Each structure stands twice: as C-alpha cells, then as structure tokens.
mmCIF file of all heavy atoms, coordinates in Angstrom:
data_MODEL
# 
_entry.id   MODEL 
# 
loop_
_atom_site.group_PDB 
_atom_site.id 
_atom_site.type_symbol 
_atom_site.label_atom_id 
_atom_site.label_alt_id 
_atom_site.label_comp_id 
_atom_site.label_asym_id 
_atom_site.label_entity_id 
_atom_site.label_seq_id 
_atom_site.pdbx_PDB_ins_code 
_atom_site.Cartn_x 
_atom_site.Cartn_y 
_atom_site.Cartn_z 
_atom_site.occupancy 
_atom_site.B_iso_or_equiv 
_atom_site.pdbx_formal_charge 
_atom_site.auth_seq_id 
_atom_site.auth_comp_id 
_atom_site.auth_asym_id 
_atom_site.auth_atom_id 
_atom_site.pdbx_PDB_model_num 
ATOM 1   N N   . LYS A 1 1  ? 2.225  78.325 -43.962 1.00 0.00 ? 1  LYS A N   1 
ATOM 2   C CA  . LYS A 1 1  ? 3.094  77.503 -44.775 1.00 0.00 ? 1  LYS A CA  1 
ATOM 3   C C   . LYS A 1 1  ? 2.557  77.220 -46.167 1.00 0.00 ? 1  LYS A C   1 
ATOM 4   O O   . LYS A 1 1  ? 3.111  76.412 -46.913 1.00 0.00 ? 1  LYS A O   1 
ATOM 5   C CB  . LYS A 1 1  ? 3.323  76.109 -44.128 1.00 0.00 ? 1  LYS A CB  1 
ATOM 6   C CG  . LYS A 1 1  ? 4.136  76.221 -42.782 1.00 0.00 ? 1  LYS A CG  1 
ATOM 7   C CD  . LYS A 1 1  ? 4.324  74.834 -42.292 1.00 0.00 ? 1  LYS A CD  1 
ATOM 8   C CE  . LYS A 1 1  ? 5.106  74.928 -40.960 1.00 0.00 ? 1  LYS A CE  1 
ATOM 9   N NZ  . LYS A 1 1  ? 5.352  73.720 -40.375 1.00 0.00 ? 1  LYS A NZ  1 
ATOM 10  N N   . GLY A 1 2  ? 1.660  77.911 -46.642 1.00 0.00 ? 2  GLY A N   1 
ATOM 11  C CA  . GLY A 1 2  ? 1.133  77.722 -48.025 1.00 0.00 ? 2  GLY A CA  1 
ATOM 12  C C   . GLY A 1 2  ? 0.111  76.610 -47.952 1.00 0.00 ? 2  GLY A C   1 
ATOM 13  O O   . GLY A 1 2  ? -0.649 76.392 -47.070 1.00 0.00 ? 2  GLY A O   1 
ATOM 14  N N   . ALA A 1 3  ? 0.116  75.778 -49.017 1.00 0.00 ? 3  ALA A N   1 
ATOM 15  C CA  . ALA A 1 3  ? -0.863 74.683 -49.176 1.00 0.00 ? 3  ALA A CA  1 
ATOM 16  C C   . ALA A 1 3  ? -0.356 73.390 -48.506 1.00 0.00 ? 3  ALA A C   1 
ATOM 17  O O   . ALA A 1 3  ? 0.840  73.062 -48.489 1.00 0.00 ? 3  ALA A O   1 
ATOM 18  C CB  . ALA A 1 3  ? -1.066 74.389 -50.629 1.00 0.00 ? 3  ALA A CB  1 
ATOM 19  N N   . ILE A 1 4  ? -1.274 72.694 -47.868 1.00 0.00 ? 4  ILE A N   1 
ATOM 20  C CA  . ILE A 1 4  ? -1.031 71.364 -47.351 1.00 0.00 ? 4  ILE A CA  1 
ATOM 21  C C   . ILE A 1 4  ? -1.048 70.404 -48.524 1.00 0.00 ? 4  ILE A C   1 
ATOM 22  O O   . ILE A 1 4  ? -1.908 70.458 -49.369 1.00 0.00 ? 4  ILE A O   1 
ATOM 23  C CB  . ILE A 1 4  ? -2.034 71.015 -46.216 1.00 0.00 ? 4  ILE A CB  1 
ATOM 24  C CG1 . ILE A 1 4  ? -2.053 71.972 -45.099 1.00 0.00 ? 4  ILE A CG1 1 
ATOM 25  C CG2 . ILE A 1 4  ? -1.836 69.574 -45.788 1.00 0.00 ? 4  ILE A CG2 1 
ATOM 26  C CD1 . ILE A 1 4  ? -3.110 71.787 -44.024 1.00 0.00 ? 4  ILE A CD1 1 
ATOM 27  N N   . GLU A 1 5  ? -0.142 69.428 -48.523 1.00 0.00 ? 5  GLU A N   1 
ATOM 28  C CA  . GLU A 1 5  ? -0.090 68.530 -49.615 1.00 0.00 ? 5  GLU A CA  1 
ATOM 29  C C   . GLU A 1 5  ? -1.281 67.575 -49.594 1.00 0.00 ? 5  GLU A C   1 
ATOM 30  O O   . GLU A 1 5  ? -1.568 66.965 -48.561 1.00 0.00 ? 5  GLU A O   1 
ATOM 31  C CB  . GLU A 1 5  ? 1.165  67.626 -49.526 1.00 0.00 ? 5  GLU A CB  1 
ATOM 32  C CG  . GLU A 1 5  ? 2.461  68.412 -49.859 1.00 0.00 ? 5  GLU A CG  1 
ATOM 33  C CD  . GLU A 1 5  ? 3.619  67.593 -49.882 1.00 0.00 ? 5  GLU A CD  1 
ATOM 34  O OE1 . GLU A 1 5  ? 3.479  66.383 -50.304 1.00 0.00 ? 5  GLU A OE1 1 
ATOM 35  O OE2 . GLU A 1 5  ? 4.738  68.052 -49.724 1.00 0.00 ? 5  GLU A OE2 1 
ATOM 36  N N   . ALA A 1 6  ? -1.950 67.405 -50.729 1.00 0.00 ? 6  ALA A N   1 
ATOM 37  C CA  . ALA A 1 6  ? -3.031 66.534 -50.923 1.00 0.00 ? 6  ALA A CA  1 
ATOM 38  C C   . ALA A 1 6  ? -2.589 65.160 -51.412 1.00 0.00 ? 6  ALA A C   1 
ATOM 39  O O   . ALA A 1 6  ? -3.196 64.161 -51.211 1.00 0.00 ? 6  ALA A O   1 
ATOM 40  C CB  . ALA A 1 6  ? -4.090 67.124 -51.829 1.00 0.00 ? 6  ALA A CB  1 
ATOM 41  N N   . SER A 1 7  ? -1.429 65.155 -52.000 1.00 0.00 ? 7  SER A N   1 
ATOM 42  C CA  . SER A 1 7  ? -0.803 63.909 -52.552 1.00 0.00 ? 7  SER A CA  1 
ATOM 43  C C   . SER A 1 7  ? 0.632  64.129 -52.672 1.00 0.00 ? 7  SER A C   1 
ATOM 44  O O   . SER A 1 7  ? 1.169  65.184 -52.659 1.00 0.00 ? 7  SER A O   1 
ATOM 45  C CB  . SER A 1 7  ? -1.370 63.582 -53.937 1.00 0.00 ? 7  SER A CB  1 
ATOM 46  O OG  . SER A 1 7  ? -1.027 64.491 -54.855 1.00 0.00 ? 7  SER A OG  1 
ATOM 47  N N   . PRO A 1 8  ? 1.433  62.996 -52.879 1.00 0.00 ? 8  PRO A N   1 
ATOM 48  C CA  . PRO A 1 8  ? 2.885  63.144 -53.058 1.00 0.00 ? 8  PRO A CA  1 
ATOM 49  C C   . PRO A 1 8  ? 3.201  64.026 -54.217 1.00 0.00 ? 8  PRO A C   1 
ATOM 50  O O   . PRO A 1 8  ? 4.292  64.587 -54.333 1.00 0.00 ? 8  PRO A O   1 
ATOM 51  C CB  . PRO A 1 8  ? 3.348  61.786 -53.278 1.00 0.00 ? 8  PRO A CB  1 
ATOM 52  C CG  . PRO A 1 8  ? 2.281  60.836 -52.694 1.00 0.00 ? 8  PRO A CG  1 
ATOM 53  C CD  . PRO A 1 8  ? 0.995  61.630 -52.856 1.00 0.00 ? 8  PRO A CD  1 
ATOM 54  N N   . GLU A 1 9  ? 2.297  64.141 -55.275 1.00 0.00 ? 9  GLU A N   1 
ATOM 55  C CA  . GLU A 1 9  ? 2.648  64.888 -56.420 1.00 0.00 ? 9  GLU A CA  1 
ATOM 56  C C   . GLU A 1 9  ? 2.242  66.367 -56.220 1.00 0.00 ? 9  GLU A C   1 
ATOM 57  O O   . GLU A 1 9  ? 2.519  67.223 -57.129 1.00 0.00 ? 9  GLU A O   1 
ATOM 58  C CB  . GLU A 1 9  ? 1.854  64.408 -57.665 1.00 0.00 ? 9  GLU A CB  1 
ATOM 59  C CG  . GLU A 1 9  ? 2.280  63.065 -58.099 1.00 0.00 ? 9  GLU A CG  1 
ATOM 60  C CD  . GLU A 1 9  ? 1.659  61.889 -57.319 1.00 0.00 ? 9  GLU A CD  1 
ATOM 61  O OE1 . GLU A 1 9  ? 0.612  62.115 -56.752 1.00 0.00 ? 9  GLU A OE1 1 
ATOM 62  O OE2 . GLU A 1 9  ? 2.375  60.849 -57.244 1.00 0.00 ? 9  GLU A OE2 1 
ATOM 63  N N   . ALA A 1 10 ? 1.733  66.706 -55.135 1.00 0.00 ? 10 ALA A N   1 
ATOM 64  C CA  . ALA A 1 10 ? 1.258  68.093 -54.845 1.00 0.00 ? 10 ALA A CA  1 
ATOM 65  C C   . ALA A 1 10 ? 2.514  69.086 -54.822 1.00 0.00 ? 10 ALA A C   1 
ATOM 66  O O   . ALA A 1 10 ? 3.608  68.631 -54.433 1.00 0.00 ? 10 ALA A O   1 
ATOM 67  C CB  . ALA A 1 10 ? 0.507  68.287 -53.554 1.00 0.00 ? 10 ALA A CB  1 
ATOM 68  N N   . PRO A 1 11 ? 2.265  70.342 -55.198 1.00 0.00 ? 11 PRO A N   1 
ATOM 69  C CA  . PRO A 1 11 ? 3.442  71.293 -55.137 1.00 0.00 ? 11 PRO A CA  1 
ATOM 70  C C   . PRO A 1 11 ? 3.976  71.434 -53.732 1.00 0.00 ? 11 PRO A C   1 
ATOM 71  O O   . PRO A 1 11 ? 3.321  71.424 -52.772 1.00 0.00 ? 11 PRO A O   1 
ATOM 72  C CB  . PRO A 1 11 ? 2.810  72.613 -55.602 1.00 0.00 ? 11 PRO A CB  1 
ATOM 73  C CG  . PRO A 1 11 ? 1.523  72.232 -56.293 1.00 0.00 ? 11 PRO A CG  1 
ATOM 74  C CD  . PRO A 1 11 ? 1.143  70.952 -55.658 1.00 0.00 ? 11 PRO A CD  1 
ATOM 75  N N   . THR A 1 12 ? 5.322  71.630 -53.684 1.00 0.00 ? 12 THR A N   1 
ATOM 76  C CA  . THR A 1 12 ? 5.953  71.845 -52.405 1.00 0.00 ? 12 THR A CA  1 
ATOM 77  C C   . THR A 1 12 ? 6.949  73.027 -52.627 1.00 0.00 ? 12 THR A C   1 
ATOM 78  O O   . THR A 1 12 ? 7.385  73.368 -53.667 1.00 0.00 ? 12 THR A O   1 
ATOM 79  C CB  . THR A 1 12 ? 6.711  70.619 -51.874 1.00 0.00 ? 12 THR A CB  1 
ATOM 80  O OG1 . THR A 1 12 ? 7.810  70.365 -52.735 1.00 0.00 ? 12 THR A OG1 1 
ATOM 81  C CG2 . THR A 1 12 ? 5.868  69.438 -51.714 1.00 0.00 ? 12 THR A CG2 1 
ATOM 82  N N   . ALA A 1 13 ? 7.413  73.531 -51.452 1.00 0.00 ? 13 ALA A N   1 
ATOM 83  C CA  . ALA A 1 13 ? 8.402  74.616 -51.586 1.00 0.00 ? 13 ALA A CA  1 
ATOM 84  C C   . ALA A 1 13 ? 9.675  74.145 -52.090 1.00 0.00 ? 13 ALA A C   1 
ATOM 85  O O   . ALA A 1 13 ? 10.482 74.894 -52.758 1.00 0.00 ? 13 ALA A O   1 
ATOM 86  C CB  . ALA A 1 13 ? 8.591  75.271 -50.182 1.00 0.00 ? 13 ALA A CB  1 
ATOM 87  N N   . SER A 1 14 ? 9.992  72.834 -51.900 1.00 0.00 ? 14 SER A N   1 
ATOM 88  C CA  . SER A 1 14 ? 11.233 72.344 -52.397 1.00 0.00 ? 14 SER A CA  1 
ATOM 89  C C   . SER A 1 14 ? 11.280 72.044 -53.866 1.00 0.00 ? 14 SER A C   1 
ATOM 90  O O   . SER A 1 14 ? 12.335 71.850 -54.460 1.00 0.00 ? 14 SER A O   1 
ATOM 91  C CB  . SER A 1 14 ? 11.669 71.128 -51.635 1.00 0.00 ? 14 SER A CB  1 
ATOM 92  O OG  . SER A 1 14 ? 10.679 70.051 -51.855 1.00 0.00 ? 14 SER A OG  1 
ATOM 93  N N   . LYS A 1 15 ? 10.091 71.881 -54.464 1.00 0.00 ? 15 LYS A N   1 
ATOM 94  C CA  . LYS A 1 15 ? 10.027 71.645 -55.936 1.00 0.00 ? 15 LYS A CA  1 
ATOM 95  C C   . LYS A 1 15 ? 9.728  72.979 -56.668 1.00 0.00 ? 15 LYS A C   1 
ATOM 96  O O   . LYS A 1 15 ? 8.602  73.523 -56.464 1.00 0.00 ? 15 LYS A O   1 
ATOM 97  C CB  . LYS A 1 15 ? 8.902  70.638 -56.263 1.00 0.00 ? 15 LYS A CB  1 
ATOM 98  C CG  . LYS A 1 15 ? 9.088  69.339 -55.791 1.00 0.00 ? 15 LYS A CG  1 
ATOM 99  C CD  . LYS A 1 15 ? 7.888  68.444 -56.323 1.00 0.00 ? 15 LYS A CD  1 
ATOM 100 C CE  . LYS A 1 15 ? 7.758  67.162 -55.596 1.00 0.00 ? 15 LYS A CE  1 
ATOM 101 N NZ  . LYS A 1 15 ? 6.506  66.480 -56.017 1.00 0.00 ? 15 LYS A NZ  1 
ATOM 102 N N   . PRO A 1 16 ? 10.530 73.381 -57.563 1.00 0.00 ? 16 PRO A N   1 
ATOM 103 C CA  . PRO A 1 16 ? 10.253 74.597 -58.308 1.00 0.00 ? 16 PRO A CA  1 
ATOM 104 C C   . PRO A 1 16 ? 9.019  74.308 -59.211 1.00 0.00 ? 16 PRO A C   1 
ATOM 105 O O   . PRO A 1 16 ? 8.743  73.156 -59.570 1.00 0.00 ? 16 PRO A O   1 
ATOM 106 C CB  . PRO A 1 16 ? 11.384 74.845 -59.215 1.00 0.00 ? 16 PRO A CB  1 
ATOM 107 C CG  . PRO A 1 16 ? 12.545 74.072 -58.544 1.00 0.00 ? 16 PRO A CG  1 
ATOM 108 C CD  . PRO A 1 16 ? 11.892 72.948 -57.787 1.00 0.00 ? 16 PRO A CD  1 
ATOM 109 N N   . GLN A 1 17 ? 8.230  75.330 -59.460 1.00 0.00 ? 17 GLN A N   1 
ATOM 110 C CA  . GLN A 1 17 ? 6.947  75.173 -60.251 1.00 0.00 ? 17 GLN A CA  1 
ATOM 111 C C   . GLN A 1 17 ? 7.196  74.525 -61.600 1.00 0.00 ? 17 GLN A C   1 
ATOM 112 O O   . GLN A 1 17 ? 6.448  73.724 -62.070 1.00 0.00 ? 17 GLN A O   1 
ATOM 113 C CB  . GLN A 1 17 ? 6.322  76.543 -60.433 1.00 0.00 ? 17 GLN A CB  1 
ATOM 114 C CG  . GLN A 1 17 ? 4.862  76.539 -61.021 1.00 0.00 ? 17 GLN A CG  1 
ATOM 115 C CD  . GLN A 1 17 ? 3.891  75.956 -60.191 1.00 0.00 ? 17 GLN A CD  1 
ATOM 116 O OE1 . GLN A 1 17 ? 4.058  75.960 -58.917 1.00 0.00 ? 17 GLN A OE1 1 
ATOM 117 N NE2 . GLN A 1 17 ? 2.751  75.477 -60.604 1.00 0.00 ? 17 GLN A NE2 1 
ATOM 118 N N   . ALA A 1 18 ? 8.291  74.815 -62.272 1.00 0.00 ? 18 ALA A N   1 
ATOM 119 C CA  . ALA A 1 18 ? 8.603  74.208 -63.648 1.00 0.00 ? 18 ALA A CA  1 
ATOM 120 C C   . ALA A 1 18 ? 8.864  72.739 -63.602 1.00 0.00 ? 18 ALA A C   1 
ATOM 121 O O   . ALA A 1 18 ? 8.567  72.043 -64.504 1.00 0.00 ? 18 ALA A O   1 
ATOM 122 C CB  . ALA A 1 18 ? 9.833  74.987 -64.237 1.00 0.00 ? 18 ALA A CB  1 
ATOM 123 N N   . GLU A 1 19 ? 9.203  72.165 -62.476 1.00 0.00 ? 19 GLU A N   1 
ATOM 124 C CA  . GLU A 1 19 ? 9.432  70.736 -62.346 1.00 0.00 ? 19 GLU A CA  1 
ATOM 125 C C   . GLU A 1 19 ? 8.279  69.917 -61.998 1.00 0.00 ? 19 GLU A C   1 
ATOM 126 O O   . GLU A 1 19 ? 8.393  68.702 -62.118 1.00 0.00 ? 19 GLU A O   1 
ATOM 127 C CB  . GLU A 1 19 ? 10.609 70.549 -61.324 1.00 0.00 ? 19 GLU A CB  1 
ATOM 128 C CG  . GLU A 1 19 ? 11.930 71.043 -61.667 1.00 0.00 ? 19 GLU A CG  1 
ATOM 129 C CD  . GLU A 1 19 ? 12.914 70.734 -60.534 1.00 0.00 ? 19 GLU A CD  1 
ATOM 130 O OE1 . GLU A 1 19 ? 12.731 69.728 -59.713 1.00 0.00 ? 19 GLU A OE1 1 
ATOM 131 O OE2 . GLU A 1 19 ? 13.962 71.398 -60.414 1.00 0.00 ? 19 GLU A OE2 1 
ATOM 132 N N   . GLN A 1 20 ? 7.271  70.520 -61.596 1.00 0.00 ? 20 GLN A N   1 
ATOM 133 C CA  . GLN A 1 20 ? 6.058  69.808 -61.166 1.00 0.00 ? 20 GLN A CA  1 
ATOM 134 C C   . GLN A 1 20 ? 5.342  69.145 -62.395 1.00 0.00 ? 20 GLN A C   1 
ATOM 135 O O   . GLN A 1 20 ? 5.065  69.819 -63.365 1.00 0.00 ? 20 GLN A O   1 
ATOM 136 C CB  . GLN A 1 20 ? 5.103  70.705 -60.365 1.00 0.00 ? 20 GLN A CB  1 
ATOM 137 C CG  . GLN A 1 20 ? 5.801  71.181 -59.057 1.00 0.00 ? 20 GLN A CG  1 
ATOM 138 C CD  . GLN A 1 20 ? 4.854  72.235 -58.481 1.00 0.00 ? 20 GLN A CD  1 
ATOM 139 O OE1 . GLN A 1 20 ? 3.790  72.399 -58.780 1.00 0.00 ? 20 GLN A OE1 1 
ATOM 140 N NE2 . GLN A 1 20 ? 5.498  72.988 -57.527 1.00 0.00 ? 20 GLN A NE2 1 
ATOM 141 N N   . LYS A 1 21 ? 4.931  67.838 -62.178 1.00 0.00 ? 21 LYS A N   1 
ATOM 142 C CA  . LYS A 1 21 ? 4.209  67.297 -63.281 1.00 0.00 ? 21 LYS A CA  1 
ATOM 143 C C   . LYS A 1 21 ? 2.736  67.332 -63.000 1.00 0.00 ? 21 LYS A C   1 
ATOM 144 O O   . LYS A 1 21 ? 2.266  67.210 -61.904 1.00 0.00 ? 21 LYS A O   1 
ATOM 145 C CB  . LYS A 1 21 ? 4.562  65.732 -63.336 1.00 0.00 ? 21 LYS A CB  1 
ATOM 146 C CG  . LYS A 1 21 ? 5.958  65.486 -63.860 1.00 0.00 ? 21 LYS A CG  1 
ATOM 147 C CD  . LYS A 1 21 ? 6.199  63.943 -63.919 1.00 0.00 ? 21 LYS A CD  1 
ATOM 148 C CE  . LYS A 1 21 ? 7.513  63.684 -64.438 1.00 0.00 ? 21 LYS A CE  1 
ATOM 149 N NZ  . LYS A 1 21 ? 7.738  62.187 -64.612 1.00 0.00 ? 21 LYS A NZ  1 
ATOM 150 N N   . VAL A 1 22 ? 2.005  67.498 -64.037 1.00 0.00 ? 22 VAL A N   1 
ATOM 151 C CA  . VAL A 1 22 ? 0.507  67.518 -64.035 1.00 0.00 ? 22 VAL A CA  1 
ATOM 152 C C   . VAL A 1 22 ? 0.064  66.285 -64.757 1.00 0.00 ? 22 VAL A C   1 
ATOM 153 O O   . VAL A 1 22 ? 0.245  66.224 -65.983 1.00 0.00 ? 22 VAL A O   1 
ATOM 154 C CB  . VAL A 1 22 ? -0.078 68.820 -64.571 1.00 0.00 ? 22 VAL A CB  1 
ATOM 155 C CG1 . VAL A 1 22 ? -1.539 68.795 -64.508 1.00 0.00 ? 22 VAL A CG1 1 
ATOM 156 C CG2 . VAL A 1 22 ? 0.451  69.992 -63.799 1.00 0.00 ? 22 VAL A CG2 1 
ATOM 157 N N   . VAL A 1 23 ? -0.563 65.254 -64.096 1.00 0.00 ? 23 VAL A N   1 
ATOM 158 C CA  . VAL A 1 23 ? -1.064 64.168 -64.706 1.00 0.00 ? 23 VAL A CA  1 
ATOM 159 C C   . VAL A 1 23 ? -2.606 64.149 -64.694 1.00 0.00 ? 23 VAL A C   1 
ATOM 160 O O   . VAL A 1 23 ? -3.235 64.159 -63.662 1.00 0.00 ? 23 VAL A O   1 
ATOM 161 C CB  . VAL A 1 23 ? -0.518 62.868 -63.985 1.00 0.00 ? 23 VAL A CB  1 
ATOM 162 C CG1 . VAL A 1 23 ? -1.062 61.663 -64.622 1.00 0.00 ? 23 VAL A CG1 1 
ATOM 163 C CG2 . VAL A 1 23 ? 0.938  62.880 -63.928 1.00 0.00 ? 23 VAL A CG2 1 
ATOM 164 N N   . MET A 1 24 ? -3.192 64.227 -65.906 1.00 0.00 ? 24 MET A N   1 
ATOM 165 C CA  . MET A 1 24 ? -4.638 64.237 -66.012 1.00 0.00 ? 24 MET A CA  1 
ATOM 166 C C   . MET A 1 24 ? -5.107 62.797 -65.950 1.00 0.00 ? 24 MET A C   1 
ATOM 167 O O   . MET A 1 24 ? -6.127 62.475 -65.348 1.00 0.00 ? 24 MET A O   1 
ATOM 168 C CB  . MET A 1 24 ? -5.081 64.878 -67.286 1.00 0.00 ? 24 MET A CB  1 
ATOM 169 C CG  . MET A 1 24 ? -4.707 66.335 -67.422 1.00 0.00 ? 24 MET A CG  1 
ATOM 170 S SD  . MET A 1 24 ? -5.533 67.294 -66.151 1.00 0.00 ? 24 MET A SD  1 
ATOM 171 C CE  . MET A 1 24 ? -7.249 67.142 -66.585 1.00 0.00 ? 24 MET A CE  1 
# 
C-alpha cells in the first residue's frame, strides 16, 4: 500500500502530490 502515514499531514493516495502542504 505504499507508505504508512506518520501524521495526518502525510501523503496519501487520496491527496494528489500538488495539494500536499510541507510545513517546516
């Protein structure tokens, strides 16, 4: 299934890559 989520902000199959936020 790919990567297991480490947090609610982690990438998922339902979120396209362009919509994912990266918060430093």
